[in-house]
Structure formats: C-alpha cells, structure tokens
Amino acid sequence: MKVNMLEAKSQLSKLVQAALEGEEVVIASHGKPMVRLVPLSEQRLPAAWGRLKVKSQDIDAAFTTEIDEEVAGLLAGKP
C-alpha cells in the first residue's frame, strides 16, 4: 500500500496495523516513495521504550499545519 504524507498522518494507526499484519506500507511525498513502515521484533526494541508514558494529545500537538508545511518543504528540497 502506498499513501501520501498527509494521508499517513491521519491514518497512522491503520498503517501500523497493516505493517504488523505483513502488508508493505510505503509513505510518499508528491508521489515519490520516501519511507517504508516495517514491524520491529520485541527483541530489537530498546528496554526503555516500554517505560515511555506518552499521551495521544502530546503526539497530536506535534502535528500542526506549520510543521506539515515545513516538512513538505524540506522533502521537496526547499530550505
């Protein structure tokens, strides 16, 4: 499955689940593949990750229109 950056932002949980189920998930910017989501095995996760306490509102707060535009510009090669 190939999705664009903004679609990936709004469907991250669905995309992660698809990757965990073995589906290839590629995130693209302007139609150009940029990254692939792949599951990590439990053995590869750093021990500290299990102790992180992150609230969804903290993560959502990081995704602003300004940040989206900045990331899109960086991916397009604009300073």
C-alpha atoms as a PDB file:
ATOM      1  CA  MET A   1       0.000   0.000   0.000  1.00  0.00           C
ATOM      2  CA  LYS A   2       1.355   3.450  -0.897  1.00  0.00           C
ATOM      3  CA  VAL A   3      -0.028   6.544   0.830  1.00  0.00           C
ATOM      4  CA  ASN A   4       0.916  10.206   0.786  1.00  0.00           C
ATOM      5  CA  MET A   5       2.344  12.003   3.809  1.00  0.00           C
ATOM      6  CA  LEU A   6      -0.853  13.788   4.860  1.00  0.00           C
ATOM      7  CA  GLU A   7      -2.940  10.632   4.495  1.00  0.00           C
ATOM      8  CA  ALA A   8      -0.370   8.744   6.581  1.00  0.00           C
ATOM      9  CA  LYS A   9      -0.655  11.366   9.307  1.00  0.00           C
ATOM     10  CA  SER A  10      -4.386  10.863   9.620  1.00  0.00           C
ATOM     11  CA  GLN A  11      -4.284   7.059   9.292  1.00  0.00           C
ATOM     12  CA  LEU A  12      -1.131   6.149  11.191  1.00  0.00           C
ATOM     13  CA  SER A  13      -2.787   3.537  13.423  1.00  0.00           C
ATOM     14  CA  LYS A  14      -4.301   1.782  10.407  1.00  0.00           C
ATOM     15  CA  LEU A  15      -0.970   1.833   8.562  1.00  0.00           C
ATOM     16  CA  VAL A  16       0.945   0.472  11.545  1.00  0.00           C
ATOM     17  CA  GLN A  17      -1.596  -2.341  11.904  1.00  0.00           C
ATOM     18  CA  ALA A  18      -1.271  -3.156   8.198  1.00  0.00           C
ATOM     19  CA  ALA A  19       2.526  -3.310   8.529  1.00  0.00           C
ATOM     20  CA  LEU A  20       2.229  -5.569  11.579  1.00  0.00           C
ATOM     21  CA  GLU A  21       0.000  -7.878   9.534  1.00  0.00           C
ATOM     22  CA  GLY A  22       2.703  -8.172   6.867  1.00  0.00           C
ATOM     23  CA  GLU A  23       1.494  -5.646   4.308  1.00  0.00           C
ATOM     24  CA  GLU A  24       4.105  -3.412   2.709  1.00  0.00           C
ATOM     25  CA  VAL A  25       3.350   0.195   3.662  1.00  0.00           C
ATOM     26  CA  VAL A  26       5.185   2.956   1.790  1.00  0.00           C
ATOM     27  CA  ILE A  27       4.770   6.637   2.597  1.00  0.00           C
ATOM     28  CA  ALA A  28       5.321   9.007  -0.310  1.00  0.00           C
ATOM     29  CA  SER A  29       5.717  12.721  -0.804  1.00  0.00           C
ATOM     30  CA  HIS A  30       4.447  14.148  -4.083  1.00  0.00           C
ATOM     31  CA  GLY A  31       4.206  10.585  -5.409  1.00  0.00           C
ATOM     32  CA  LYS A  32       7.848   9.790  -4.605  1.00  0.00           C
ATOM     33  CA  PRO A  33       8.326   6.926  -2.105  1.00  0.00           C
ATOM     34  CA  MET A  34      10.128   8.216   0.991  1.00  0.00           C
ATOM     35  CA  VAL A  35       9.884   5.592   3.773  1.00  0.00           C
ATOM     36  CA  ARG A  36       8.615   2.083   4.421  1.00  0.00           C
ATOM     37  CA  LEU A  37       6.900   1.024   7.654  1.00  0.00           C
ATOM     38  CA  VAL A  38       8.186  -2.284   8.940  1.00  0.00           C
ATOM     39  CA  PRO A  39       7.467  -4.011  12.249  1.00  0.00           C
ATOM     40  CA  LEU A  40      10.192  -4.404  14.845  1.00  0.00           C
ATOM     41  CA  SER A  41      10.570  -7.627  16.740  1.00  0.00           C
ATOM     42  CA  GLU A  42      10.276  -7.414  20.519  1.00  0.00           C
ATOM     43  CA  GLN A  43      13.965  -8.329  20.878  1.00  0.00           C
ATOM     44  CA  ARG A  44      15.052  -5.265  18.892  1.00  0.00           C
ATOM     45  CA  LEU A  45      13.147  -2.676  20.920  1.00  0.00           C
ATOM     46  CA  PRO A  46      15.218  -0.788  23.483  1.00  0.00           C
ATOM     47  CA  ALA A  47      14.133  -1.670  27.016  1.00  0.00           C
ATOM     48  CA  ALA A  48      13.347   1.970  27.795  1.00  0.00           C
ATOM     49  CA  TRP A  49      10.623   2.105  25.135  1.00  0.00           C
ATOM     50  CA  GLY A  50       8.320   0.042  27.277  1.00  0.00           C
ATOM     51  CA  ARG A  51       8.601   2.633  30.055  1.00  0.00           C
ATOM     52  CA  LEU A  52       7.689   5.660  27.941  1.00  0.00           C
ATOM     53  CA  LYS A  53       4.476   7.330  29.001  1.00  0.00           C
ATOM     54  CA  VAL A  54       3.209   9.402  26.087  1.00  0.00           C
ATOM     55  CA  LYS A  55      -0.311  10.749  25.866  1.00  0.00           C
ATOM     56  CA  SER A  56      -2.004  10.923  22.479  1.00  0.00           C
ATOM     57  CA  GLN A  57      -2.706  14.645  22.881  1.00  0.00           C
ATOM     58  CA  ASP A  58       1.055  15.221  23.233  1.00  0.00           C
ATOM     59  CA  ILE A  59       1.687  13.444  19.933  1.00  0.00           C
ATOM     60  CA  ASP A  60      -1.222  15.162  18.175  1.00  0.00           C
ATOM     61  CA  ALA A  61       0.043  18.558  19.336  1.00  0.00           C
ATOM     62  CA  ALA A  62       3.246  17.965  17.340  1.00  0.00           C
ATOM     63  CA  PHE A  63       1.285  17.752  14.072  1.00  0.00           C
ATOM     64  CA  THR A  64       0.428  21.318  13.176  1.00  0.00           C
ATOM     65  CA  THR A  65      -0.200  22.856   9.774  1.00  0.00           C
ATOM     66  CA  GLU A  66       3.053  24.802  10.115  1.00  0.00           C
ATOM     67  CA  ILE A  67       5.036  21.639  10.822  1.00  0.00           C
ATOM     68  CA  ASP A  68       3.347  19.836   7.910  1.00  0.00           C
ATOM     69  CA  GLU A  69       4.301  22.695   5.578  1.00  0.00           C
ATOM     70  CA  GLU A  70       7.873  22.767   6.904  1.00  0.00           C
ATOM     71  CA  VAL A  71       8.289  19.008   6.440  1.00  0.00           C
ATOM     72  CA  ALA A  72       6.769  19.160   2.956  1.00  0.00           C
ATOM     73  CA  GLY A  73       9.202  21.937   2.055  1.00  0.00           C
ATOM     74  CA  LEU A  74      12.180  20.002   3.386  1.00  0.00           C
ATOM     75  CA  LEU A  75      11.138  16.890   1.491  1.00  0.00           C
ATOM     76  CA  ALA A  76      10.794  18.979  -1.669  1.00  0.00           C
ATOM     77  CA  GLY A  77      14.352  20.276  -1.158  1.00  0.00           C
ATOM     78  CA  LYS A  78      13.379  23.794  -0.136  1.00  0.00           C
ATOM     79  CA  PRO A  79      15.452  25.415   2.644  1.00  0.00           C
END
